[in-house]
Amino acid sequence: PVEKLPLEGIRLLAAATGNRPLNSYFTAKGVAPELLAAHPWNRRSAPTSLAENIDGMPEDDDLNYPLLDLLLLQRHGRDFTTTDVARLWLDELPAGRTFTAERVAYRNLLLGIEPPHTARHRNPFREWIGALIRADVHGWTNPGDPGAAAEQAHRDATLTHTTNGVYAAMFTAAVIAQAAVATAPDDIHACLRTGLTVIPPKSRLAEAVRHAVQLARVHEDFDTVVDELHATHADTHHWVHAVPNTALIAAALTHADGDFTGSICRAVSGGWDTDSNGATAGSVAALLAGAPAALPDRWTTPLKNRLATSVANFNGTGFDALARLTHDLTHPYTPREAPRP
């Protein structure tokens, strides 16, 4: 419900209900009308995403794309092509559920433009966060094989994105793949190092991630980390750009030592693309937690094991069923030594 809000607004809304540092879902109960007038909830999300009205998991593009990627792997296997992704979208993804780079690429497909030109033709959003939010399944289904996860994410991402937009997806997929075989939350630091091995070390994304991790290591107060990140990126990047958002995710995971609640709350409280950042941090940290039972009930109970989506045949599906489907599509894991510090 705080997506698109400025950092100050997020902090004020959390503080108004005694929820700062953030530790639970946002609520409108007890928030002064004048504060809500100054910083209104996200119009699309507020009716289904506040503590008092969550009734199952509402539809979100951050969850539609993982469903599409499950369909992709079911139909085409691990050797899918970017063209396979494009055809799947045209068959299964409603155009009205696409945004920014994905909507431009979708339009380009309808104009007869083929990948990877779909990512470049009149696409000012090609380095934004859209490819990153599609990376999870590629990591989940390649546990312990970050290279394979990143390679799959690359084939997916190049339909819509270029350079740092693609690198963000590759980095995220690799981190998730490594987290899938971790043994404790504080393994997050090795997971993030692994993510950096699959992207160009001199890219703006890699530099931003390294800077964010360093900030998270030296500052005890995460608000200070966030303030530094905003000072570095806010004037030069859109709030949906992949570079600052990936940096914030890395900082949140580092500062929380991979703890689930700490990671998602830090990611959301840092602003920018809050729902995407919280989702990715949660994707990683939930793997580090080791089992569904390790996740606090206050996060999972309101979701009622039910997902809403406009992706055909998935609406109302339980997360347990999705987990089984993902497991069935997972490539067997062969243990290997993680990168050393």
C-alpha atoms as a PDB file:
ATOM      1  CA  PRO A   1       0.000   0.000   0.000  1.00  0.00           C
ATOM      2  CA  VAL A   2       3.016   2.348   0.209  1.00  0.00           C
ATOM      3  CA  GLU A   3       4.228   1.788  -3.357  1.00  0.00           C
ATOM      4  CA  LYS A   4       5.021   5.138  -5.046  1.00  0.00           C
ATOM      5  CA  LEU A   5       5.065   7.025  -1.734  1.00  0.00           C
ATOM      6  CA  PRO A   6       8.109   9.126  -0.849  1.00  0.00           C
ATOM      7  CA  LEU A   7      10.407   7.853   1.874  1.00  0.00           C
ATOM      8  CA  GLU A   8       9.183  10.484   4.325  1.00  0.00           C
ATOM      9  CA  GLY A   9       5.580   9.382   3.824  1.00  0.00           C
ATOM     10  CA  ILE A  10       6.403   5.722   4.432  1.00  0.00           C
ATOM     11  CA  ARG A  11       8.195   6.574   7.647  1.00  0.00           C
ATOM     12  CA  LEU A  12       5.411   8.826   8.906  1.00  0.00           C
ATOM     13  CA  LEU A  13       2.681   6.276   8.167  1.00  0.00           C
ATOM     14  CA  ALA A  14       4.599   3.533   9.949  1.00  0.00           C
ATOM     15  CA  ALA A  15       5.370   5.724  12.948  1.00  0.00           C
ATOM     16  CA  ALA A  16       1.753   6.878  13.242  1.00  0.00           C
ATOM     17  CA  THR A  17       0.683   3.369  14.247  1.00  0.00           C
ATOM     18  CA  GLY A  18       3.719   2.409  16.319  1.00  0.00           C
ATOM     19  CA  ASN A  19       5.093   0.310  13.476  1.00  0.00           C
ATOM     20  CA  ARG A  20       8.488   1.931  13.080  1.00  0.00           C
ATOM     21  CA  PRO A  21      10.895   0.249  12.688  1.00  0.00           C
ATOM     22  CA  LEU A  22       8.534  -1.672  10.456  1.00  0.00           C
ATOM     23  CA  ASN A  23       7.587  -5.044  11.930  1.00  0.00           C
ATOM     24  CA  SER A  24       4.146  -5.925  10.552  1.00  0.00           C
ATOM     25  CA  TYR A  25       1.649  -5.035   7.835  1.00  0.00           C
ATOM     26  CA  PHE A  26       0.683  -1.385   7.419  1.00  0.00           C
ATOM     27  CA  THR A  27      -2.679  -0.325   8.825  1.00  0.00           C
ATOM     28  CA  ALA A  28      -4.875   2.718   8.387  1.00  0.00           C
ATOM     29  CA  LYS A  29      -6.304   2.342  11.886  1.00  0.00           C
ATOM     30  CA  GLY A  30      -5.159   5.220  14.043  1.00  0.00           C
ATOM     31  CA  VAL A  31      -3.617   7.236  11.210  1.00  0.00           C
ATOM     32  CA  ALA A  32      -4.638  10.889  11.274  1.00  0.00           C
ATOM     33  CA  PRO A  33      -6.776  11.973   8.283  1.00  0.00           C
ATOM     34  CA  GLU A  34      -4.419  14.841   7.501  1.00  0.00           C
ATOM     35  CA  LEU A  35      -1.487  12.415   7.242  1.00  0.00           C
ATOM     36  CA  LEU A  36      -3.438  10.179   4.861  1.00  0.00           C
ATOM     37  CA  ALA A  37      -4.371  13.236   2.829  1.00  0.00           C
ATOM     38  CA  ALA A  38      -0.711  14.190   2.526  1.00  0.00           C
ATOM     39  CA  HIS A  39       0.463  10.625   1.848  1.00  0.00           C
ATOM     40  CA  PRO A  40      -2.448   8.557   0.514  1.00  0.00           C
ATOM     41  CA  TRP A  41      -2.136   4.798   0.211  1.00  0.00           C
ATOM     42  CA  ASN A  42      -1.561   3.328  -3.219  1.00  0.00           C
ATOM     43  CA  ARG A  43      -4.985   3.444  -4.852  1.00  0.00           C
ATOM     44  CA  ARG A  44      -4.691   0.047  -6.521  1.00  0.00           C
ATOM     45  CA  SER A  45      -3.343  -1.821  -3.482  1.00  0.00           C
ATOM     46  CA  ALA A  46      -4.957  -0.236  -0.428  1.00  0.00           C
ATOM     47  CA  PRO A  47      -8.299  -2.108  -0.651  1.00  0.00           C
ATOM     48  CA  THR A  48      -6.549  -5.497  -0.348  1.00  0.00           C
ATOM     49  CA  SER A  49      -3.148  -4.904   1.271  1.00  0.00           C
ATOM     50  CA  LEU A  50      -3.685  -3.265   4.663  1.00  0.00           C
ATOM     51  CA  ALA A  51      -3.701  -5.352   7.833  1.00  0.00           C
ATOM     52  CA  GLU A  52      -7.435  -4.862   8.286  1.00  0.00           C
ATOM     53  CA  ASN A  53      -8.464  -5.975   4.784  1.00  0.00           C
ATOM     54  CA  ILE A  54      -6.008  -8.667   3.652  1.00  0.00           C
ATOM     55  CA  ASP A  55      -8.091 -11.691   2.644  1.00  0.00           C
ATOM     56  CA  GLY A  56      -5.797 -14.005   0.742  1.00  0.00           C
ATOM     57  CA  MET A  57      -2.945 -12.892  -1.492  1.00  0.00           C
ATOM     58  CA  PRO A  58      -4.196 -10.195  -3.889  1.00  0.00           C
ATOM     59  CA  GLU A  59      -3.152 -10.164  -7.524  1.00  0.00           C
ATOM     60  CA  ASP A  60       0.145  -8.478  -8.303  1.00  0.00           C
ATOM     61  CA  ASP A  61       2.461  -8.491 -11.300  1.00  0.00           C
ATOM     62  CA  ASP A  62       5.276  -9.640  -9.005  1.00  0.00           C
ATOM     63  CA  LEU A  63       3.334 -12.898  -8.603  1.00  0.00           C
ATOM     64  CA  ASN A  64       1.825 -13.202 -12.084  1.00  0.00           C
ATOM     65  CA  TYR A  65       5.247 -13.541 -13.677  1.00  0.00           C
ATOM     66  CA  PRO A  66       6.418 -16.457 -11.509  1.00  0.00           C
ATOM     67  CA  LEU A  67       3.234 -18.266 -12.519  1.00  0.00           C
ATOM     68  CA  LEU A  68       4.016 -17.616 -16.165  1.00  0.00           C
ATOM     69  CA  ASP A  69       7.541 -18.908 -15.644  1.00  0.00           C
ATOM     70  CA  LEU A  70       6.149 -22.128 -14.187  1.00  0.00           C
ATOM     71  CA  LEU A  71       4.045 -22.506 -17.337  1.00  0.00           C
ATOM     72  CA  LEU A  72       7.134 -21.742 -19.401  1.00  0.00           C
ATOM     73  CA  LEU A  73       9.120 -24.545 -17.787  1.00  0.00           C
ATOM     74  CA  GLN A  74       6.186 -26.949 -18.014  1.00  0.00           C
ATOM     75  CA  ARG A  75       5.782 -26.378 -21.741  1.00  0.00           C
ATOM     76  CA  HIS A  76       9.338 -25.818 -22.929  1.00  0.00           C
ATOM     77  CA  GLY A  77      11.665 -27.118 -20.228  1.00  0.00           C
ATOM     78  CA  ARG A  78      14.970 -25.606 -19.162  1.00  0.00           C
ATOM     79  CA  ASP A  79      16.057 -24.987 -22.762  1.00  0.00           C
ATOM     80  CA  PHE A  80      13.296 -22.471 -23.477  1.00  0.00           C
ATOM     81  CA  THR A  81      14.104 -19.551 -25.767  1.00  0.00           C
ATOM     82  CA  THR A  82      13.255 -15.882 -25.443  1.00  0.00           C
ATOM     83  CA  THR A  83      10.813 -16.396 -28.289  1.00  0.00           C
ATOM     84  CA  ASP A  84       9.096 -19.079 -26.202  1.00  0.00           C
ATOM     85  CA  VAL A  85       8.665 -16.503 -23.432  1.00  0.00           C
ATOM     86  CA  ALA A  86       7.172 -14.062 -25.935  1.00  0.00           C
ATOM     87  CA  ARG A  87       4.673 -16.568 -27.313  1.00  0.00           C
ATOM     88  CA  LEU A  88       3.647 -17.623 -23.824  1.00  0.00           C
ATOM     89  CA  TRP A  89       2.944 -14.023 -22.891  1.00  0.00           C
ATOM     90  CA  LEU A  90       0.783 -13.491 -25.962  1.00  0.00           C
ATOM     91  CA  ASP A  91      -1.151 -16.657 -25.120  1.00  0.00           C
ATOM     92  CA  GLU A  92      -1.493 -16.296 -21.350  1.00  0.00           C
ATOM     93  CA  LEU A  93      -0.728 -12.763 -20.107  1.00  0.00           C
ATOM     94  CA  PRO A  94      -3.490 -10.140 -20.349  1.00  0.00           C
ATOM     95  CA  ALA A  95      -2.038  -6.968 -21.847  1.00  0.00           C
ATOM     96  CA  GLY A  96      -3.651  -4.904 -19.115  1.00  0.00           C
ATOM     97  CA  ARG A  97      -1.557  -6.716 -16.517  1.00  0.00           C
ATOM     98  CA  THR A  98       1.703  -5.500 -18.032  1.00  0.00           C
ATOM     99  CA  PHE A  99       3.534  -2.326 -17.035  1.00  0.00           C
ATOM    100  CA  THR A 100       6.511  -0.224 -18.169  1.00  0.00           C
ATOM    101  CA  ALA A 101       9.103  -2.333 -20.030  1.00  0.00           C
ATOM    102  CA  GLU A 102       6.821  -5.355 -20.216  1.00  0.00           C
ATOM    103  CA  ARG A 103       4.000  -3.340 -21.760  1.00  0.00           C
ATOM    104  CA  VAL A 104       6.332  -1.812 -24.353  1.00  0.00           C
ATOM    105  CA  ALA A 105       7.759  -5.223 -25.244  1.00  0.00           C
ATOM    106  CA  TYR A 106       4.234  -6.657 -25.471  1.00  0.00           C
ATOM    107  CA  ARG A 107       3.252  -3.847 -27.823  1.00  0.00           C
ATOM    108  CA  ASN A 108       6.379  -4.454 -29.879  1.00  0.00           C
ATOM    109  CA  LEU A 109       5.457  -8.130 -30.220  1.00  0.00           C
ATOM    110  CA  LEU A 110       2.026  -7.142 -31.508  1.00  0.00           C
ATOM    111  CA  LEU A 111       3.762  -4.884 -34.032  1.00  0.00           C
ATOM    112  CA  GLY A 112       5.718  -7.873 -35.316  1.00  0.00           C
ATOM    113  CA  ILE A 113       9.044  -6.997 -33.694  1.00  0.00           C
ATOM    114  CA  GLU A 114      11.043 -10.044 -32.583  1.00  0.00           C
ATOM    115  CA  PRO A 115      13.187 -10.507 -29.445  1.00  0.00           C
ATOM    116  CA  PRO A 116      15.632  -9.128 -28.441  1.00  0.00           C
ATOM    117  CA  HIS A 117      14.626  -6.032 -30.418  1.00  0.00           C
ATOM    118  CA  THR A 118      11.427  -5.986 -28.355  1.00  0.00           C
ATOM    119  CA  ALA A 119      13.529  -4.758 -25.436  1.00  0.00           C
ATOM    120  CA  ARG A 120      15.153  -1.924 -27.369  1.00  0.00           C
ATOM    121  CA  HIS A 121      12.522  -0.467 -29.664  1.00  0.00           C
ATOM    122  CA  ARG A 122      11.075   2.693 -28.105  1.00  0.00           C
ATOM    123  CA  ASN A 123      11.517   1.257 -24.628  1.00  0.00           C
ATOM    124  CA  PRO A 124      12.665   3.885 -22.120  1.00  0.00           C
ATOM    125  CA  PHE A 125      12.022   1.424 -19.264  1.00  0.00           C
ATOM    126  CA  ARG A 126      14.538  -1.211 -20.357  1.00  0.00           C
ATOM    127  CA  GLU A 127      16.724  -0.840 -17.260  1.00  0.00           C
ATOM    128  CA  TRP A 128      13.866  -0.830 -14.785  1.00  0.00           C
ATOM    129  CA  ILE A 129      12.979  -3.564 -12.293  1.00  0.00           C
ATOM    130  CA  GLY A 130      10.591  -5.691 -14.375  1.00  0.00           C
ATOM    131  CA  ALA A 131      13.061  -8.424 -15.306  1.00  0.00           C
ATOM    132  CA  LEU A 132      14.240  -8.725 -11.702  1.00  0.00           C
ATOM    133  CA  ILE A 133      10.729  -9.558 -10.499  1.00  0.00           C
ATOM    134  CA  ARG A 134      10.590 -12.417 -13.027  1.00  0.00           C
ATOM    135  CA  ALA A 135      13.814 -14.033 -11.793  1.00  0.00           C
ATOM    136  CA  ASP A 136      12.588 -16.012  -8.789  1.00  0.00           C
ATOM    137  CA  VAL A 137      11.495 -19.205 -10.527  1.00  0.00           C
ATOM    138  CA  HIS A 138      14.825 -19.456 -12.331  1.00  0.00           C
ATOM    139  CA  GLY A 139      16.565 -19.449  -8.963  1.00  0.00           C
ATOM    140  CA  TRP A 140      14.094 -21.749  -7.217  1.00  0.00           C
ATOM    141  CA  THR A 141      14.369 -24.408  -9.919  1.00  0.00           C
ATOM    142  CA  ASN A 142      18.174 -24.390 -10.018  1.00  0.00           C
ATOM    143  CA  PRO A 143      19.150 -24.878  -6.358  1.00  0.00           C
ATOM    144  CA  GLY A 144      22.895 -24.701  -5.905  1.00  0.00           C
ATOM    145  CA  ASP A 145      23.489 -23.819  -9.566  1.00  0.00           C
ATOM    146  CA  PRO A 146      23.597 -20.014  -9.726  1.00  0.00           C
ATOM    147  CA  GLY A 147      25.134 -20.068 -13.192  1.00  0.00           C
ATOM    148  CA  ALA A 148      22.224 -22.009 -14.661  1.00  0.00           C
ATOM    149  CA  ALA A 149      19.754 -19.804 -12.800  1.00  0.00           C
ATOM    150  CA  ALA A 150      21.369 -16.655 -14.159  1.00  0.00           C
ATOM    151  CA  GLU A 151      21.467 -18.054 -17.679  1.00  0.00           C
ATOM    152  CA  GLN A 152      17.752 -18.832 -17.601  1.00  0.00           C
ATOM    153  CA  ALA A 153      17.015 -15.396 -16.167  1.00  0.00           C
ATOM    154  CA  HIS A 154      19.032 -13.838 -19.000  1.00  0.00           C
ATOM    155  CA  ARG A 155      16.915 -15.575 -21.654  1.00  0.00           C
ATOM    156  CA  ASP A 156      13.756 -14.398 -19.908  1.00  0.00           C
ATOM    157  CA  ALA A 157      14.959 -10.848 -19.263  1.00  0.00           C
ATOM    158  CA  THR A 158      16.168 -10.022 -22.768  1.00  0.00           C
ATOM    159  CA  LEU A 159      12.590 -10.016 -24.033  1.00  0.00           C
ATOM    160  CA  THR A 160      12.044  -6.732 -22.212  1.00  0.00           C
ATOM    161  CA  HIS A 161      15.291  -5.367 -20.798  1.00  0.00           C
ATOM    162  CA  THR A 162      18.915  -4.531 -21.534  1.00  0.00           C
ATOM    163  CA  THR A 163      22.166  -4.108 -19.571  1.00  0.00           C
ATOM    164  CA  ASN A 164      21.497  -3.350 -15.897  1.00  0.00           C
ATOM    165  CA  GLY A 165      17.875  -4.425 -16.181  1.00  0.00           C
ATOM    166  CA  VAL A 166      19.101  -7.839 -17.325  1.00  0.00           C
ATOM    167  CA  TYR A 167      21.965  -7.931 -14.821  1.00  0.00           C
ATOM    168  CA  ALA A 168      19.497  -7.350 -11.973  1.00  0.00           C
ATOM    169  CA  ALA A 169      17.544 -10.433 -13.019  1.00  0.00           C
ATOM    170  CA  MET A 170      20.694 -12.531 -13.334  1.00  0.00           C
ATOM    171  CA  PHE A 171      22.006 -11.362  -9.955  1.00  0.00           C
ATOM    172  CA  THR A 172      18.702 -12.108  -8.254  1.00  0.00           C
ATOM    173  CA  ALA A 173      18.315 -15.554  -9.799  1.00  0.00           C
ATOM    174  CA  ALA A 174      21.838 -16.497  -8.730  1.00  0.00           C
ATOM    175  CA  VAL A 175      21.305 -15.257  -5.164  1.00  0.00           C
ATOM    176  CA  ILE A 176      18.092 -17.268  -4.910  1.00  0.00           C
ATOM    177  CA  ALA A 177      19.712 -20.400  -6.348  1.00  0.00           C
ATOM    178  CA  GLN A 178      22.448 -20.193  -3.733  1.00  0.00           C
ATOM    179  CA  ALA A 179      19.971 -19.428  -0.944  1.00  0.00           C
ATOM    180  CA  ALA A 180      18.058 -22.573  -1.860  1.00  0.00           C
ATOM    181  CA  VAL A 181      20.941 -24.702  -0.579  1.00  0.00           C
ATOM    182  CA  ALA A 182      21.981 -22.505   2.341  1.00  0.00           C
ATOM    183  CA  THR A 183      21.887 -23.893   5.864  1.00  0.00           C
ATOM    184  CA  ALA A 184      21.264 -20.748   7.934  1.00  0.00           C
ATOM    185  CA  PRO A 185      19.981 -17.176   7.460  1.00  0.00           C
ATOM    186  CA  ASP A 186      23.444 -15.654   7.858  1.00  0.00           C
ATOM    187  CA  ASP A 187      24.540 -17.549   4.746  1.00  0.00           C
ATOM    188  CA  ILE A 188      23.011 -14.566   2.957  1.00  0.00           C
ATOM    189  CA  HIS A 189      26.410 -12.914   2.709  1.00  0.00           C
ATOM    190  CA  ALA A 190      27.815 -15.799   0.653  1.00  0.00           C
ATOM    191  CA  CYS A 191      24.640 -15.780  -1.448  1.00  0.00           C
ATOM    192  CA  LEU A 192      25.072 -12.104  -2.313  1.00  0.00           C
ATOM    193  CA  ARG A 193      28.720 -12.659  -3.197  1.00  0.00           C
ATOM    194  CA  THR A 194      27.603 -15.471  -5.475  1.00  0.00           C
ATOM    195  CA  GLY A 195      25.128 -13.158  -7.181  1.00  0.00           C
ATOM    196  CA  LEU A 196      27.902 -10.730  -8.004  1.00  0.00           C
ATOM    197  CA  THR A 197      29.884 -13.459  -9.789  1.00  0.00           C
ATOM    198  CA  VAL A 198      27.348 -13.729 -12.631  1.00  0.00           C
ATOM    199  CA  ILE A 199      27.247 -10.049 -13.664  1.00  0.00           C
ATOM    200  CA  PRO A 200      29.922  -7.724 -15.073  1.00  0.00           C
ATOM    201  CA  PRO A 201      31.993  -6.533 -12.088  1.00  0.00           C
ATOM    202  CA  LYS A 202      32.311  -2.996 -13.454  1.00  0.00           C
ATOM    203  CA  SER A 203      28.620  -2.587 -14.254  1.00  0.00           C
ATOM    204  CA  ARG A 204      26.664   0.118 -12.482  1.00  0.00           C
ATOM    205  CA  LEU A 205      24.562  -2.582 -10.876  1.00  0.00           C
ATOM    206  CA  ALA A 206      27.532  -4.441  -9.397  1.00  0.00           C
ATOM    207  CA  GLU A 207      29.023  -1.214  -8.096  1.00  0.00           C
ATOM    208  CA  ALA A 208      25.703  -0.219  -6.512  1.00  0.00           C
ATOM    209  CA  VAL A 209      25.287  -3.610  -4.825  1.00  0.00           C
ATOM    210  CA  ARG A 210      28.817  -3.562  -3.405  1.00  0.00           C
ATOM    211  CA  HIS A 211      28.270  -0.033  -2.095  1.00  0.00           C
ATOM    212  CA  ALA A 212      24.945  -1.004  -0.515  1.00  0.00           C
ATOM    213  CA  VAL A 213      26.398  -4.066   1.177  1.00  0.00           C
ATOM    214  CA  GLN A 214      29.239  -1.996   2.582  1.00  0.00           C
ATOM    215  CA  LEU A 215      26.811   0.599   3.957  1.00  0.00           C
ATOM    216  CA  ALA A 216      24.780  -2.139   5.613  1.00  0.00           C
ATOM    217  CA  ARG A 217      27.879  -3.530   7.264  1.00  0.00           C
ATOM    218  CA  VAL A 218      29.104  -0.280   8.776  1.00  0.00           C
ATOM    219  CA  HIS A 219      25.853   1.399   9.914  1.00  0.00           C
ATOM    220  CA  GLU A 220      23.896  -0.010  12.838  1.00  0.00           C
ATOM    221  CA  ASP A 221      20.789   2.051  12.042  1.00  0.00           C
ATOM    222  CA  PHE A 222      19.172   0.931   8.783  1.00  0.00           C
ATOM    223  CA  ASP A 223      17.567   4.354   8.316  1.00  0.00           C
ATOM    224  CA  THR A 224      21.092   5.695   7.868  1.00  0.00           C
ATOM    225  CA  VAL A 225      21.754   3.068   5.202  1.00  0.00           C
ATOM    226  CA  VAL A 226      18.571   4.052   3.384  1.00  0.00           C
ATOM    227  CA  ASP A 227      19.359   7.753   3.612  1.00  0.00           C
ATOM    228  CA  GLU A 228      22.786   7.112   2.086  1.00  0.00           C
ATOM    229  CA  LEU A 229      21.282   5.042  -0.727  1.00  0.00           C
ATOM    230  CA  HIS A 230      18.728   7.723  -1.519  1.00  0.00           C
ATOM    231  CA  ALA A 231      21.429  10.386  -1.472  1.00  0.00           C
ATOM    232  CA  THR A 232      23.411   8.300  -3.956  1.00  0.00           C
ATOM    233  CA  HIS A 233      20.662   7.256  -6.358  1.00  0.00           C
ATOM    234  CA  ALA A 234      17.464   9.282  -5.987  1.00  0.00           C
ATOM    235  CA  ASP A 235      18.536  12.237  -8.115  1.00  0.00           C
ATOM    236  CA  THR A 236      19.833  10.108 -10.993  1.00  0.00           C
ATOM    237  CA  HIS A 237      17.452   7.134 -11.146  1.00  0.00           C
ATOM    238  CA  HIS A 238      13.700   6.669 -11.410  1.00  0.00           C
ATOM    239  CA  TRP A 239      12.174   4.961  -8.373  1.00  0.00           C
ATOM    240  CA  VAL A 240      11.489   1.829 -10.465  1.00  0.00           C
ATOM    241  CA  HIS A 241      15.019   1.600 -11.919  1.00  0.00           C
ATOM    242  CA  ALA A 242      16.814  -1.691 -11.319  1.00  0.00           C
ATOM    243  CA  VAL A 243      20.030  -0.192  -9.942  1.00  0.00           C
ATOM    244  CA  PRO A 244      18.789   1.522  -6.745  1.00  0.00           C
ATOM    245  CA  ASN A 245      16.179  -1.139  -6.023  1.00  0.00           C
ATOM    246  CA  THR A 246      18.630  -4.027  -6.329  1.00  0.00           C
ATOM    247  CA  ALA A 247      21.035  -2.123  -4.107  1.00  0.00           C
ATOM    248  CA  LEU A 248      18.319  -1.644  -1.491  1.00  0.00           C
ATOM    249  CA  ILE A 249      17.405  -5.344  -1.559  1.00  0.00           C
ATOM    250  CA  ALA A 250      21.052  -6.295  -1.036  1.00  0.00           C
ATOM    251  CA  ALA A 251      21.392  -3.795   1.803  1.00  0.00           C
ATOM    252  CA  ALA A 252      18.234  -5.059   3.520  1.00  0.00           C
ATOM    253  CA  LEU A 253      19.304  -8.698   3.350  1.00  0.00           C
ATOM    254  CA  THR A 254      22.804  -7.844   4.565  1.00  0.00           C
ATOM    255  CA  HIS A 255      21.681  -5.649   7.458  1.00  0.00           C
ATOM    256  CA  ALA A 256      19.131  -8.237   8.634  1.00  0.00           C
ATOM    257  CA  ASP A 257      21.620 -11.118   8.305  1.00  0.00           C
ATOM    258  CA  GLY A 258      19.026 -12.885   6.175  1.00  0.00           C
ATOM    259  CA  ASP A 259      16.307 -12.931   8.859  1.00  0.00           C
ATOM    260  CA  PHE A 260      12.896 -13.126   7.180  1.00  0.00           C
ATOM    261  CA  THR A 261      11.008 -10.393   9.022  1.00  0.00           C
ATOM    262  CA  GLY A 262      14.047  -8.152   9.240  1.00  0.00           C
ATOM    263  CA  SER A 263      14.788  -8.493   5.538  1.00  0.00           C
ATOM    264  CA  ILE A 264      11.317  -7.808   4.169  1.00  0.00           C
ATOM    265  CA  CYS A 265      10.657  -4.948   6.588  1.00  0.00           C
ATOM    266  CA  ARG A 266      13.943  -3.260   5.780  1.00  0.00           C
ATOM    267  CA  ALA A 267      13.354  -3.655   2.051  1.00  0.00           C
ATOM    268  CA  VAL A 268       9.869  -2.142   2.228  1.00  0.00           C
ATOM    269  CA  SER A 269      10.818   0.624   4.654  1.00  0.00           C
ATOM    270  CA  GLY A 270      13.526   1.782   2.251  1.00  0.00           C
ATOM    271  CA  GLY A 271      11.002   3.058  -0.266  1.00  0.00           C
ATOM    272  CA  TRP A 272      11.200   3.049  -4.076  1.00  0.00           C
ATOM    273  CA  ASP A 273       9.498  -0.044  -5.557  1.00  0.00           C
ATOM    274  CA  THR A 274       8.329  -1.328  -2.199  1.00  0.00           C
ATOM    275  CA  ASP A 275       6.221  -4.318  -3.243  1.00  0.00           C
ATOM    276  CA  SER A 276       8.865  -5.668  -5.606  1.00  0.00           C
ATOM    277  CA  ASN A 277      11.679  -5.173  -3.119  1.00  0.00           C
ATOM    278  CA  GLY A 278       9.782  -6.792  -0.273  1.00  0.00           C
ATOM    279  CA  ALA A 279       8.842  -9.721  -2.497  1.00  0.00           C
ATOM    280  CA  THR A 280      12.404 -10.371  -3.633  1.00  0.00           C
ATOM    281  CA  ALA A 281      13.861  -9.998  -0.150  1.00  0.00           C
ATOM    282  CA  GLY A 282      11.189 -12.390   1.096  1.00  0.00           C
ATOM    283  CA  SER A 283      11.896 -14.872  -1.675  1.00  0.00           C
ATOM    284  CA  VAL A 284      15.525 -15.073  -0.591  1.00  0.00           C
ATOM    285  CA  ALA A 285      14.998 -14.910   3.169  1.00  0.00           C
ATOM    286  CA  ALA A 286      12.241 -17.538   3.164  1.00  0.00           C
ATOM    287  CA  LEU A 287      14.652 -20.005   1.575  1.00  0.00           C
ATOM    288  CA  LEU A 288      17.234 -19.153   4.214  1.00  0.00           C
ATOM    289  CA  ALA A 289      14.636 -19.809   6.929  1.00  0.00           C
ATOM    290  CA  GLY A 290      14.576 -23.413   5.794  1.00  0.00           C
ATOM    291  CA  ALA A 291      10.896 -24.367   6.089  1.00  0.00           C
ATOM    292  CA  PRO A 292       7.430 -22.770   5.865  1.00  0.00           C
ATOM    293  CA  ALA A 293       6.922 -23.320   9.599  1.00  0.00           C
ATOM    294  CA  ALA A 294       9.857 -20.994  10.281  1.00  0.00           C
ATOM    295  CA  LEU A 295       7.945 -18.027   8.849  1.00  0.00           C
ATOM    296  CA  PRO A 296       6.008 -16.018  11.457  1.00  0.00           C
ATOM    297  CA  ASP A 297       2.260 -16.643  11.418  1.00  0.00           C
ATOM    298  CA  ARG A 298       1.471 -12.938  11.371  1.00  0.00           C
ATOM    299  CA  TRP A 299       2.772 -12.792   7.797  1.00  0.00           C
ATOM    300  CA  THR A 300       1.297 -16.015   6.429  1.00  0.00           C
ATOM    301  CA  THR A 301      -2.069 -16.443   8.176  1.00  0.00           C
ATOM    302  CA  PRO A 302      -3.834 -13.474   6.487  1.00  0.00           C
ATOM    303  CA  LEU A 303      -2.869 -14.877   3.070  1.00  0.00           C
ATOM    304  CA  LYS A 304      -5.060 -17.951   3.746  1.00  0.00           C
ATOM    305  CA  ASN A 305      -2.985 -20.111   1.402  1.00  0.00           C
ATOM    306  CA  ARG A 306      -4.787 -18.545  -1.557  1.00  0.00           C
ATOM    307  CA  LEU A 307      -3.445 -16.534  -4.495  1.00  0.00           C
ATOM    308  CA  ALA A 308      -5.492 -14.275  -6.760  1.00  0.00           C
ATOM    309  CA  THR A 309      -4.307 -13.908 -10.342  1.00  0.00           C
ATOM    310  CA  SER A 310      -5.557 -13.343 -13.879  1.00  0.00           C
ATOM    311  CA  VAL A 311      -3.165 -15.996 -15.224  1.00  0.00           C
ATOM    312  CA  ALA A 312      -5.520 -18.731 -16.419  1.00  0.00           C
ATOM    313  CA  ASN A 313      -6.050 -21.814 -14.219  1.00  0.00           C
ATOM    314  CA  PHE A 314      -4.030 -20.399 -11.312  1.00  0.00           C
ATOM    315  CA  ASN A 315      -6.574 -18.140  -9.628  1.00  0.00           C
ATOM    316  CA  GLY A 316      -7.265 -19.363  -6.095  1.00  0.00           C
ATOM    317  CA  THR A 317      -4.335 -21.763  -6.092  1.00  0.00           C
ATOM    318  CA  GLY A 318      -2.694 -22.456  -2.734  1.00  0.00           C
ATOM    319  CA  PHE A 319       0.940 -21.691  -2.076  1.00  0.00           C
ATOM    320  CA  ASP A 320       1.452 -25.300  -1.048  1.00  0.00           C
ATOM    321  CA  ALA A 321       0.298 -26.454  -4.489  1.00  0.00           C
ATOM    322  CA  LEU A 322       2.573 -23.923  -6.161  1.00  0.00           C
ATOM    323  CA  ALA A 323       5.490 -25.127  -4.055  1.00  0.00           C
ATOM    324  CA  ARG A 324       4.871 -28.708  -5.165  1.00  0.00           C
ATOM    325  CA  LEU A 325       4.663 -27.638  -8.797  1.00  0.00           C
ATOM    326  CA  THR A 326       7.902 -25.686  -8.479  1.00  0.00           C
ATOM    327  CA  HIS A 327       9.580 -28.669  -6.834  1.00  0.00           C
ATOM    328  CA  ASP A 328       8.475 -30.906  -9.698  1.00  0.00           C
ATOM    329  CA  LEU A 329      10.195 -28.540 -12.144  1.00  0.00           C
ATOM    330  CA  THR A 330      13.390 -28.258 -10.111  1.00  0.00           C
ATOM    331  CA  HIS A 331      16.694 -29.450 -11.519  1.00  0.00           C
ATOM    332  CA  PRO A 332      18.415 -31.931  -9.156  1.00  0.00           C
ATOM    333  CA  TYR A 333      21.005 -30.334  -6.902  1.00  0.00           C
ATOM    334  CA  THR A 334      24.612 -31.525  -6.871  1.00  0.00           C
ATOM    335  CA  PRO A 335      26.491 -30.057  -3.870  1.00  0.00           C
ATOM    336  CA  ARG A 336      29.406 -27.781  -4.648  1.00  0.00           C
ATOM    337  CA  GLU A 337      31.595 -25.479  -2.608  1.00  0.00           C
ATOM    338  CA  ALA A 338      30.317 -21.920  -2.225  1.00  0.00           C
ATOM    339  CA  PRO A 339      32.608 -18.966  -3.087  1.00  0.00           C
ATOM    340  CA  ARG A 340      34.948 -18.006  -0.269  1.00  0.00           C
ATOM    341  CA  PRO A 341      34.979 -14.480   1.184  1.00  0.00           C
END
